[in-house]
C-alpha atoms as a PDB file:
ATOM      1  CA  MET A   1      95.560 124.697  97.163  1.00  0.00           C
ATOM      2  CA  GLU A   2      95.587 123.493 100.756  1.00  0.00           C
ATOM      3  CA  ASN A   3      95.273 119.826  99.705  1.00  0.00           C
ATOM      4  CA  LYS A   4      98.061 120.206  97.174  1.00  0.00           C
ATOM      5  CA  GLN A   5     100.338 121.677  99.821  1.00  0.00           C
ATOM      6  CA  LYS A   6      99.502 118.839 102.172  1.00  0.00           C
ATOM      7  CA  GLU A   7     100.495 116.264  99.549  1.00  0.00           C
ATOM      8  CA  GLU A   8     103.787 118.019  98.892  1.00  0.00           C
ATOM      9  CA  THR A   9     104.768 118.469 102.530  1.00  0.00           C
ATOM     10  CA  GLY A  10     103.253 115.281 103.947  1.00  0.00           C
ATOM     11  CA  ILE A  11     102.532 114.701 107.611  1.00  0.00           C
ATOM     12  CA  ARG A  12     104.666 116.625 110.061  1.00  0.00           C
ATOM     13  CA  LEU A  13     104.890 115.372 113.622  1.00  0.00           C
ATOM     14  CA  ASN A  14     106.015 117.614 116.450  1.00  0.00           C
ATOM     15  CA  GLU A  15     107.837 116.188 119.455  1.00  0.00           C
ATOM     16  CA  ASP A  16     104.661 115.787 121.532  1.00  0.00           C
ATOM     17  CA  ASN A  17     102.827 113.987 118.698  1.00  0.00           C
ATOM     18  CA  LEU A  18     105.805 111.715 118.096  1.00  0.00           C
ATOM     19  CA  PHE A  19     106.200 110.862 121.781  1.00  0.00           C
ATOM     20  CA  LEU A  20     102.511 109.991 122.132  1.00  0.00           C
ATOM     21  CA  LEU A  21     102.497 107.928 118.947  1.00  0.00           C
ATOM     22  CA  ARG A  22     105.522 105.960 120.138  1.00  0.00           C
ATOM     23  CA  GLU A  23     103.809 105.320 123.475  1.00  0.00           C
ATOM     24  CA  ILE A  24     100.694 103.993 121.718  1.00  0.00           C
ATOM     25  CA  LEU A  25     102.694 101.735 119.385  1.00  0.00           C
ATOM     26  CA  GLU A  26     104.953 100.443 122.159  1.00  0.00           C
ATOM     27  CA  THR A  27     101.936  99.554 124.293  1.00  0.00           C
ATOM     28  CA  ALA A  28     100.254  97.792 121.366  1.00  0.00           C
ATOM     29  CA  ALA A  29     103.412  95.853 120.494  1.00  0.00           C
ATOM     30  CA  ARG A  30     103.982  94.840 124.113  1.00  0.00           C
ATOM     31  CA  LYS A  31     100.407  93.578 124.479  1.00  0.00           C
ATOM     32  CA  ALA A  32     100.682  91.601 121.249  1.00  0.00           C
ATOM     33  CA  ALA A  33     104.033  90.154 122.334  1.00  0.00           C
ATOM     34  CA  GLU A  34     102.450  88.636 125.432  1.00  0.00           C
ATOM     35  CA  SER A  35     100.623  86.091 123.283  1.00  0.00           C
ATOM     36  CA  ILE A  36     103.751  84.803 121.526  1.00  0.00           C
ATOM     37  CA  SER A  37     105.650  84.860 124.826  1.00  0.00           C
ATOM     38  CA  LYS A  38     103.203  82.296 126.233  1.00  0.00           C
ATOM     39  CA  MET A  39     103.475  80.144 123.101  1.00  0.00           C
ATOM     40  CA  LEU A  40     107.271  80.085 123.191  1.00  0.00           C
ATOM     41  CA  GLY A  41     107.723  80.013 126.965  1.00  0.00           C
ATOM     42  CA  THR A  42     110.221  82.862 126.892  1.00  0.00           C
ATOM     43  CA  SER A  43     110.279  86.612 127.359  1.00  0.00           C
ATOM     44  CA  VAL A  44     109.610  88.709 124.286  1.00  0.00           C
ATOM     45  CA  GLU A  45     110.840  92.274 123.986  1.00  0.00           C
ATOM     46  CA  THR A  46     109.568  94.977 121.655  1.00  0.00           C
ATOM     47  CA  GLU A  47     111.081  98.244 120.486  1.00  0.00           C
ATOM     48  CA  ILE A  48     110.020 101.035 118.152  1.00  0.00           C
ATOM     49  CA  LEU A  49     112.543 101.063 115.327  1.00  0.00           C
ATOM     50  CA  ASN A  50     111.227 104.050 113.425  1.00  0.00           C
ATOM     51  CA  ILE A  51     108.242 106.081 112.329  1.00  0.00           C
ATOM     52  CA  TYR A  52     108.278 107.165 108.707  1.00  0.00           C
ATOM     53  CA  THR A  53     106.222 109.907 107.088  1.00  0.00           C
ATOM     54  CA  ASN A  54     107.108 108.870 103.556  1.00  0.00           C
ATOM     55  CA  PRO A  55     106.756 105.292 102.238  1.00  0.00           C
ATOM     56  CA  ILE A  56     109.971 105.639 100.222  1.00  0.00           C
ATOM     57  CA  GLU A  57     111.969 105.926 103.467  1.00  0.00           C
ATOM     58  CA  LEU A  58     110.905 102.415 104.454  1.00  0.00           C
ATOM     59  CA  VAL A  59     111.974 100.948 101.119  1.00  0.00           C
ATOM     60  CA  GLU A  60     115.303 102.765 101.150  1.00  0.00           C
ATOM     61  CA  LYS A  61     116.044 101.299 104.595  1.00  0.00           C
ATOM     62  CA  GLU A  62     115.886  97.786 103.129  1.00  0.00           C
ATOM     63  CA  ILE A  63     119.437  97.865 101.800  1.00  0.00           C
ATOM     64  CA  GLU A  64     119.688  94.090 101.432  1.00  0.00           C
ATOM     65  CA  LYS A  65     116.697  93.908  99.121  1.00  0.00           C
ATOM     66  CA  GLU A  66     117.341  90.302  98.091  1.00  0.00           C
ATOM     67  CA  ASN A  67     117.342  88.780 101.599  1.00  0.00           C
ATOM     68  CA  LEU A  68     114.664  86.095 101.793  1.00  0.00           C
ATOM     69  CA  GLY A  69     112.045  86.312 104.498  1.00  0.00           C
ATOM     70  CA  ILE A  70     108.476  85.576 105.452  1.00  0.00           C
ATOM     71  CA  ILE A  71     105.933  88.356 105.075  1.00  0.00           C
ATOM     72  CA  LEU A  72     102.512  87.979 106.700  1.00  0.00           C
ATOM     73  CA  TYR A  73     100.336  90.467 104.836  1.00  0.00           C
ATOM     74  CA  SER A  74      96.929  91.664 106.059  1.00  0.00           C
ATOM     75  CA  GLU A  75      94.616  94.368 104.753  1.00  0.00           C
ATOM     76  CA  LEU A  76      92.734  96.618 107.158  1.00  0.00           C
ATOM     77  CA  LYS A  77      89.007  96.268 106.550  1.00  0.00           C
ATOM     78  CA  GLU A  78      87.756  98.989 108.873  1.00  0.00           C
ATOM     79  CA  GLY A  79      88.991 102.338 110.108  1.00  0.00           C
ATOM     80  CA  GLU A  80      89.479 103.708 106.579  1.00  0.00           C
ATOM     81  CA  GLY A  81      91.829 100.979 105.414  1.00  0.00           C
ATOM     82  CA  GLY A  82      95.533 100.342 105.054  1.00  0.00           C
ATOM     83  CA  ILE A  83      97.965  97.431 105.313  1.00  0.00           C
ATOM     84  CA  SER A  84      99.635  95.673 108.230  1.00  0.00           C
ATOM     85  CA  LEU A  85     102.598  93.302 107.945  1.00  0.00           C
ATOM     86  CA  PHE A  86     104.597  91.040 110.198  1.00  0.00           C
ATOM     87  CA  VAL A  87     107.996  90.332 108.677  1.00  0.00           C
ATOM     88  CA  MET A  88     110.582  87.709 109.697  1.00  0.00           C
ATOM     89  CA  ASP A  89     113.861  86.583 108.249  1.00  0.00           C
ATOM     90  CA  GLU A  90     113.849  83.011 106.931  1.00  0.00           C
ATOM     91  CA  GLN A  91     115.826  81.625 109.890  1.00  0.00           C
ATOM     92  CA  SER A  92     113.393  83.074 112.439  1.00  0.00           C
ATOM     93  CA  ALA A  93     110.457  81.617 110.515  1.00  0.00           C
ATOM     94  CA  LEU A  94     112.027  78.132 110.591  1.00  0.00           C
ATOM     95  CA  ILE A  95     112.707  78.355 114.342  1.00  0.00           C
ATOM     96  CA  LEU A  96     109.262  79.763 115.151  1.00  0.00           C
ATOM     97  CA  SER A  97     107.385  77.208 113.052  1.00  0.00           C
ATOM     98  CA  GLY A  98     109.355  74.391 114.730  1.00  0.00           C
ATOM     99  CA  LYS A  99     108.362  75.707 118.150  1.00  0.00           C
ATOM    100  CA  LEU A 100     104.728  76.072 117.146  1.00  0.00           C
ATOM    101  CA  LEU A 101     104.639  72.517 115.784  1.00  0.00           C
ATOM    102  CA  GLY A 102     106.019  71.060 119.020  1.00  0.00           C
ATOM    103  CA  LYS A 103     109.527  70.240 117.774  1.00  0.00           C
ATOM    104  CA  GLY A 104     111.171  71.731 120.853  1.00  0.00           C
ATOM    105  CA  ASP A 105     114.566  73.202 120.045  1.00  0.00           C
ATOM    106  CA  GLU A 106     114.576  71.595 116.603  1.00  0.00           C
ATOM    107  CA  LYS A 107     113.785  74.142 113.943  1.00  0.00           C
ATOM    108  CA  SER A 108     111.830  73.256 110.821  1.00  0.00           C
ATOM    109  CA  SER A 109     113.933  72.100 107.875  1.00  0.00           C
ATOM    110  CA  GLU A 110     111.583  73.661 105.335  1.00  0.00           C
ATOM    111  CA  LEU A 111     108.542  75.873 105.106  1.00  0.00           C
ATOM    112  CA  GLY A 112     105.989  73.262 104.096  1.00  0.00           C
ATOM    113  CA  ASP A 113     102.213  73.421 104.396  1.00  0.00           C
ATOM    114  CA  ASP A 114     102.180  72.707 108.150  1.00  0.00           C
ATOM    115  CA  GLU A 115     104.821  75.347 108.830  1.00  0.00           C
ATOM    116  CA  ARG A 116     103.052  77.953 106.713  1.00  0.00           C
ATOM    117  CA  SER A 117      99.737  77.221 108.404  1.00  0.00           C
ATOM    118  CA  ALA A 118     101.298  77.617 111.864  1.00  0.00           C
ATOM    119  CA  LEU A 119     102.957  80.893 110.880  1.00  0.00           C
ATOM    120  CA  ARG A 120      99.722  82.272 109.435  1.00  0.00           C
ATOM    121  CA  GLU A 121      97.927  81.382 112.665  1.00  0.00           C
ATOM    122  CA  VAL A 122     100.440  83.102 114.920  1.00  0.00           C
ATOM    123  CA  GLY A 123     100.595  86.040 112.495  1.00  0.00           C
ATOM    124  CA  ASN A 124      96.846  86.414 112.742  1.00  0.00           C
ATOM    125  CA  ILE A 125      97.108  86.559 116.537  1.00  0.00           C
ATOM    126  CA  LEU A 126     100.034  88.990 116.565  1.00  0.00           C
ATOM    127  CA  LEU A 127      98.558  91.367 113.997  1.00  0.00           C
ATOM    128  CA  GLY A 128      95.088  91.143 115.517  1.00  0.00           C
ATOM    129  CA  ASN A 129      96.284  92.001 119.026  1.00  0.00           C
ATOM    130  CA  PHE A 130      98.565  94.769 117.752  1.00  0.00           C
ATOM    131  CA  LEU A 131      95.798  96.434 115.716  1.00  0.00           C
ATOM    132  CA  ALA A 132      93.173  95.972 118.439  1.00  0.00           C
ATOM    133  CA  GLU A 133      95.284  97.901 120.943  1.00  0.00           C
ATOM    134  CA  ILE A 134      95.844 100.743 118.477  1.00  0.00           C
ATOM    135  CA  GLY A 135      92.154 100.765 117.588  1.00  0.00           C
ATOM    136  CA  ASP A 136      91.162 100.915 121.272  1.00  0.00           C
ATOM    137  CA  TYR A 137      93.225 104.048 121.795  1.00  0.00           C
ATOM    138  CA  PHE A 138      91.846 105.832 118.740  1.00  0.00           C
ATOM    139  CA  ASN A 139      88.335 104.418 119.250  1.00  0.00           C
ATOM    140  CA  LEU A 140      88.432 102.909 115.758  1.00  0.00           C
ATOM    141  CA  PRO A 141      87.368  99.334 114.913  1.00  0.00           C
ATOM    142  CA  ILE A 142      90.486  98.279 112.979  1.00  0.00           C
ATOM    143  CA  LEU A 143      89.553  94.854 111.653  1.00  0.00           C
ATOM    144  CA  HIS A 144      91.852  92.987 109.304  1.00  0.00           C
ATOM    145  CA  THR A 145      91.771  90.176 106.776  1.00  0.00           C
ATOM    146  CA  PRO A 146      93.353  86.793 107.633  1.00  0.00           C
ATOM    147  CA  PRO A 147      97.044  87.209 106.782  1.00  0.00           C
ATOM    148  CA  GLU A 148      98.456  85.913 103.539  1.00  0.00           C
ATOM    149  CA  LEU A 149     101.927  84.382 103.744  1.00  0.00           C
ATOM    150  CA  LYS A 150     104.580  85.411 101.254  1.00  0.00           C
ATOM    151  CA  HIS A 151     108.028  83.779 101.065  1.00  0.00           C
ATOM    152  CA  ASP A 152     109.928  86.418  99.163  1.00  0.00           C
ATOM    153  CA  MET A 153     112.775  88.920  99.079  1.00  0.00           C
ATOM    154  CA  VAL A 154     111.639  91.380 101.749  1.00  0.00           C
ATOM    155  CA  GLY A 155     113.028  94.597 100.284  1.00  0.00           C
ATOM    156  CA  VAL A 156     111.793  93.852  96.782  1.00  0.00           C
ATOM    157  CA  TYR A 157     108.376  92.830  98.111  1.00  0.00           C
ATOM    158  CA  LEU A 158     107.990  96.082 100.085  1.00  0.00           C
ATOM    159  CA  GLU A 159     109.059  98.128  97.096  1.00  0.00           C
ATOM    160  CA  ASN A 160     106.491  96.443  94.845  1.00  0.00           C
ATOM    161  CA  LEU A 161     103.798  96.663  97.528  1.00  0.00           C
ATOM    162  CA  LEU A 162     104.195 100.410  97.940  1.00  0.00           C
ATOM    163  CA  THR A 163     104.382 100.952  94.195  1.00  0.00           C
ATOM    164  CA  TYR A 164     101.033  99.338  93.498  1.00  0.00           C
ATOM    165  CA  SER A 165      99.081 100.128  96.688  1.00  0.00           C
ATOM    166  CA  GLU A 166      96.399 102.787  96.427  1.00  0.00           C
ATOM    167  CA  GLY A 167      95.807 105.263  99.229  1.00  0.00           C
ATOM    168  CA  LEU A 168      99.284 104.858 100.749  1.00  0.00           C
ATOM    169  CA  LYS A 169     101.217 107.419  98.773  1.00  0.00           C
ATOM    170  CA  ASN A 170     100.980 110.843 100.369  1.00  0.00           C
ATOM    171  CA  ASN A 171     100.510 111.334 104.086  1.00  0.00           C
ATOM    172  CA  ALA A 172     101.475 108.050 105.683  1.00  0.00           C
ATOM    173  CA  ILE A 173     102.610 107.515 109.241  1.00  0.00           C
ATOM    174  CA  ILE A 174     104.409 104.211 108.811  1.00  0.00           C
ATOM    175  CA  SER A 175     105.503 102.523 112.016  1.00  0.00           C
ATOM    176  CA  GLU A 176     108.117  99.793 112.322  1.00  0.00           C
ATOM    177  CA  VAL A 177     108.255  97.830 115.584  1.00  0.00           C
ATOM    178  CA  LYS A 178     110.817  95.137 116.410  1.00  0.00           C
ATOM    179  CA  LEU A 179     109.905  91.951 118.302  1.00  0.00           C
ATOM    180  CA  VAL A 180     112.608  89.683 119.759  1.00  0.00           C
ATOM    181  CA  ALA A 181     112.034  86.398 121.617  1.00  0.00           C
ATOM    182  CA  GLN A 182     114.940  86.197 124.050  1.00  0.00           C
ATOM    183  CA  GLY A 183     117.059  83.038 123.993  1.00  0.00           C
ATOM    184  CA  VAL A 184     115.114  81.510 121.103  1.00  0.00           C
ATOM    185  CA  GLY A 185     116.474  83.365 118.081  1.00  0.00           C
ATOM    186  CA  VAL A 186     113.134  84.571 116.770  1.00  0.00           C
ATOM    187  CA  LYS A 187     112.847  88.174 115.692  1.00  0.00           C
ATOM    188  CA  GLY A 188     110.376  90.013 113.540  1.00  0.00           C
ATOM    189  CA  ARG A 189     108.905  93.392 112.710  1.00  0.00           C
ATOM    190  CA  TYR A 190     105.413  94.807 112.660  1.00  0.00           C
ATOM    191  CA  ILE A 191     104.939  97.305 109.866  1.00  0.00           C
ATOM    192  CA  LEU A 192     101.746  99.370 109.874  1.00  0.00           C
ATOM    193  CA  LEU A 193     100.935 101.286 106.696  1.00  0.00           C
ATOM    194  CA  PRO A 194      97.696 103.180 107.305  1.00  0.00           C
ATOM    195  CA  SER A 195      95.840 104.683 104.360  1.00  0.00           C
ATOM    196  CA  ASP A 196      95.827 108.458 104.009  1.00  0.00           C
ATOM    197  CA  ALA A 197      92.323 108.527 105.488  1.00  0.00           C
ATOM    198  CA  LEU A 198      93.298 106.396 108.495  1.00  0.00           C
ATOM    199  CA  THR A 199      96.414 108.516 109.035  1.00  0.00           C
ATOM    200  CA  GLU A 200      94.237 111.609 109.209  1.00  0.00           C
ATOM    201  CA  ASP A 201      92.038 109.876 111.790  1.00  0.00           C
ATOM    202  CA  PHE A 202      95.159 109.114 113.838  1.00  0.00           C
ATOM    203  CA  MET A 203      96.401 112.688 113.557  1.00  0.00           C
ATOM    204  CA  ASP A 204      93.047 114.115 114.676  1.00  0.00           C
ATOM    205  CA  ASN A 205      93.564 112.267 117.956  1.00  0.00           C
ATOM    206  CA  LEU A 206      97.206 113.263 118.352  1.00  0.00           C
ATOM    207  CA  PHE A 207      96.787 117.032 118.064  1.00  0.00           C
END
Protein backbone atom coordinates (compact mmCIF):
# COMPACT_ATOMS: atom_id res chain seq x y z
CA MET A 1 0.00 0.00 0.00
CA GLU A 2 2.87 2.31 0.88
CA ASN A 3 4.56 1.77 -2.51
CA LYS A 4 1.31 2.40 -4.35
CA GLN A 5 0.83 5.67 -2.49
CA LYS A 6 4.37 6.70 -3.31
CA GLU A 7 3.77 6.13 -7.03
CA GLU A 8 0.58 8.17 -6.95
CA THR A 9 1.99 11.11 -5.01
CA GLY A 10 5.54 11.07 -6.38
CA ILE A 11 8.48 12.78 -4.74
CA ARG A 12 7.69 15.77 -2.58
CA LEU A 13 10.46 18.22 -1.82
CA ASN A 14 10.25 20.62 1.10
CA GLU A 15 11.94 24.01 0.95
CA ASP A 16 15.13 22.81 2.65
CA ASN A 17 15.46 19.81 0.30
CA LEU A 18 14.84 22.00 -2.73
CA PHE A 19 17.36 24.63 -1.63
CA LEU A 20 20.06 22.01 -1.04
CA LEU A 21 19.35 20.26 -4.33
CA ARG A 22 19.61 23.56 -6.21
CA GLU A 23 22.93 24.29 -4.49
CA ILE A 24 24.31 20.89 -5.52
CA LEU A 25 23.16 21.26 -9.14
CA GLU A 26 24.39 24.85 -9.43
CA THR A 27 27.82 23.85 -8.13
CA ALA A 28 27.99 20.91 -10.55
CA ALA A 29 26.91 23.05 -13.50
CA ARG A 30 29.39 25.79 -12.63
CA LYS A 31 32.27 23.31 -12.37
CA ALA A 32 31.34 21.75 -15.71
CA ALA A 33 31.05 25.19 -17.32
CA GLU A 34 34.67 25.96 -16.47
CA SER A 35 35.84 23.45 -19.06
CA ILE A 36 33.86 24.98 -21.94
CA SER A 37 34.81 28.47 -20.77
CA LYS A 38 38.48 27.63 -21.37
CA MET A 39 37.71 26.15 -24.79
CA LEU A 40 35.77 29.21 -25.93
CA GLY A 41 37.85 31.86 -24.19
CA THR A 42 34.79 33.52 -22.69
CA SER A 43 32.84 33.50 -19.46
CA VAL A 44 30.10 30.91 -19.15
CA GLU A 45 27.16 31.37 -16.82
CA THR A 46 24.84 28.70 -15.46
CA GLU A 47 21.39 28.87 -13.90
CA ILE A 48 18.90 26.36 -12.54
CA LEU A 49 15.83 26.63 -14.73
CA ASN A 50 13.62 24.16 -12.92
CA ILE A 51 13.36 20.95 -10.95
CA TYR A 52 10.51 18.68 -11.96
CA THR A 53 9.01 15.82 -9.97
CA ASN A 54 7.01 14.47 -12.89
CA PRO A 55 8.51 13.73 -16.33
CA ILE A 56 5.36 15.01 -18.06
CA GLU A 57 6.09 18.53 -16.76
CA LEU A 58 9.33 18.62 -18.75
CA VAL A 59 7.60 17.57 -21.97
CA GLU A 60 4.77 20.05 -21.50
CA LYS A 61 7.32 22.86 -21.12
CA GLU A 62 8.58 22.17 -24.65
CA ILE A 63 5.83 24.16 -26.34
CA GLU A 64 7.70 24.49 -29.63
CA LYS A 65 8.01 20.74 -30.07
CA GLU A 66 9.16 20.96 -33.69
CA ASN A 67 12.18 23.23 -33.10
CA LEU A 68 15.32 21.49 -34.35
CA GLY A 69 18.23 21.04 -32.00
CA ILE A 70 21.15 18.88 -31.02
CA ILE A 71 20.64 16.38 -28.22
CA LEU A 72 23.68 14.70 -26.66
CA TYR A 73 22.25 11.62 -24.96
CA SER A 74 24.11 9.56 -22.35
CA GLU A 75 22.97 6.69 -20.15
CA LEU A 76 24.10 6.46 -16.54
CA LYS A 77 25.94 3.18 -16.01
CA GLU A 78 26.41 3.35 -12.26
CA GLY A 79 24.52 4.76 -9.30
CA GLU A 80 21.32 2.87 -10.17
CA GLY A 81 20.96 4.28 -13.67
CA GLY A 82 19.14 7.04 -15.48
CA ILE A 83 19.71 9.39 -18.41
CA SER A 84 21.61 12.64 -18.83
CA LEU A 85 21.25 15.03 -21.77
CA PHE A 86 22.88 18.19 -23.03
CA VAL A 87 20.56 20.01 -25.40
CA MET A 88 21.33 22.92 -27.76
CA ASP A 89 19.37 24.73 -30.40
CA GLU A 90 20.68 24.25 -33.94
CA GLN A 91 22.23 27.74 -34.12
CA SER A 92 24.22 27.23 -30.91
CA ALA A 93 25.48 23.88 -32.19
CA LEU A 94 26.74 25.49 -35.42
CA ILE A 95 28.52 28.29 -33.52
CA LEU A 96 30.02 25.93 -30.93
CA SER A 97 31.26 23.41 -33.50
CA GLY A 98 32.88 26.25 -35.49
CA LYS A 99 34.71 27.41 -32.37
CA LEU A 100 35.83 23.90 -31.50
CA LEU A 101 37.15 23.34 -35.03
CA GLY A 102 39.23 26.53 -34.95
CA LYS A 103 37.08 28.62 -37.30
CA GLY A 104 37.19 31.64 -35.02
CA ASP A 105 34.01 33.69 -35.28
CA GLU A 106 32.87 31.76 -38.34
CA LYS A 107 30.18 29.29 -37.43
CA SER A 108 29.86 25.93 -39.16
CA SER A 109 27.63 25.91 -42.23
CA GLU A 110 26.43 22.37 -41.58
CA LEU A 111 26.62 19.62 -39.01
CA GLY A 112 28.91 17.24 -40.86
CA ASP A 113 31.02 14.43 -39.44
CA ASP A 114 33.73 16.75 -38.07
CA GLU A 115 31.18 19.00 -36.39
CA ARG A 116 29.31 16.07 -34.86
CA SER A 117 32.53 14.55 -33.58
CA ALA A 118 33.56 17.85 -31.95
CA LEU A 119 30.15 18.25 -30.33
CA ARG A 120 30.19 14.69 -28.99
CA GLU A 121 33.63 15.32 -27.50
CA VAL A 122 32.64 18.51 -25.71
CA GLY A 123 29.36 16.89 -24.65
CA ASN A 124 31.29 14.04 -23.10
CA ILE A 125 33.37 16.54 -21.10
CA LEU A 126 30.38 18.64 -20.02
CA LEU A 127 28.22 15.69 -18.99
CA GLY A 128 31.13 13.90 -17.34
CA ASN A 129 32.11 16.89 -15.21
CA PHE A 130 28.49 17.66 -14.33
CA LEU A 131 27.75 14.09 -13.21
CA ALA A 132 31.08 13.71 -11.38
CA GLU A 133 30.33 16.72 -9.18
CA ILE A 134 26.86 15.40 -8.34
CA GLY A 135 28.29 11.94 -7.67
CA ASP A 136 30.96 13.38 -5.35
CA TYR A 137 28.33 15.04 -3.19
CA PHE A 138 26.16 11.93 -2.92
CA ASN A 139 29.18 9.60 -2.73
CA LEU A 140 27.91 7.70 -5.77
CA PRO A 141 30.07 6.68 -8.75
CA ILE A 142 27.85 8.06 -11.53
CA LEU A 143 29.57 6.84 -14.69
CA HIS A 144 28.01 7.40 -18.09
CA THR A 145 28.18 6.07 -21.62
CA PRO A 146 29.85 8.15 -24.37
CA PRO A 147 27.11 10.51 -25.59
CA GLU A 148 25.16 9.78 -28.72
CA LEU A 149 24.32 12.78 -30.89
CA LYS A 150 20.79 13.27 -32.14
CA HIS A 151 19.79 16.03 -34.59
CA ASP A 152 16.07 16.13 -34.02
CA MET A 153 13.02 18.09 -32.91
CA VAL A 154 13.79 18.58 -29.22
CA GLY A 155 10.27 18.49 -27.81
CA VAL A 156 9.25 15.46 -29.84
CA TYR A 157 12.49 13.66 -28.95
CA LEU A 158 11.97 14.25 -25.21
CA GLU A 159 8.38 13.09 -25.43
CA ASN A 160 9.39 9.86 -27.16
CA LEU A 161 12.32 9.34 -24.79
CA LEU A 162 10.15 9.55 -21.69
CA THR A 163 7.47 7.38 -23.24
CA TYR A 164 9.79 4.46 -23.89
CA SER A 165 12.30 4.78 -21.03
CA GLU A 166 12.01 2.26 -18.22
CA GLY A 167 12.57 3.26 -14.61
CA LEU A 168 11.86 6.97 -15.20
CA LYS A 169 8.12 7.05 -14.74
CA ASN A 170 7.20 7.52 -11.10
CA ASN A 171 9.41 9.36 -8.65
CA ALA A 172 11.80 11.39 -10.76
CA ILE A 173 13.66 14.50 -9.70
CA ILE A 174 14.38 15.97 -13.11
CA SER A 175 16.73 18.93 -13.14
CA GLU A 176 17.12 21.44 -15.97
CA VAL A 177 20.18 23.71 -15.90
CA LYS A 178 20.90 26.48 -18.41
CA LEU A 179 24.41 27.21 -19.72
CA VAL A 180 25.18 30.44 -21.60
CA ALA A 181 28.55 31.42 -23.11
CA GLN A 182 28.58 35.21 -22.90
CA GLY A 183 29.27 37.14 -26.10
CA VAL A 184 29.47 33.99 -28.23
CA GLY A 185 25.82 33.06 -28.70
CA VAL A 186 26.10 29.52 -27.41
CA LYS A 187 23.48 28.30 -24.98
CA GLY A 188 22.41 24.87 -23.87
CA ARG A 189 20.71 22.89 -21.14
CA TYR A 190 21.71 19.97 -18.98
CA ILE A 191 18.81 17.67 -18.27
CA LEU A 192 19.30 14.96 -15.65
CA LEU A 193 16.68 12.21 -15.50
CA PRO A 194 17.67 9.85 -12.69
CA SER A 195 16.00 6.46 -12.44
CA ASP A 196 13.57 5.88 -9.59
CA ALA A 197 16.30 4.01 -7.72
CA LEU A 198 18.85 6.80 -8.17
CA THR A 199 16.26 9.39 -7.13
CA GLU A 200 15.71 7.49 -3.91
CA ASP A 201 19.47 7.48 -3.31
CA PHE A 202 19.49 11.26 -3.80
CA MET A 203 16.55 11.74 -1.45
CA ASP A 204 18.18 9.63 1.28
CA ASN A 205 20.98 12.21 1.33
CA LEU A 206 18.68 15.23 1.24
CA PHE A 207 16.51 14.37 4.24
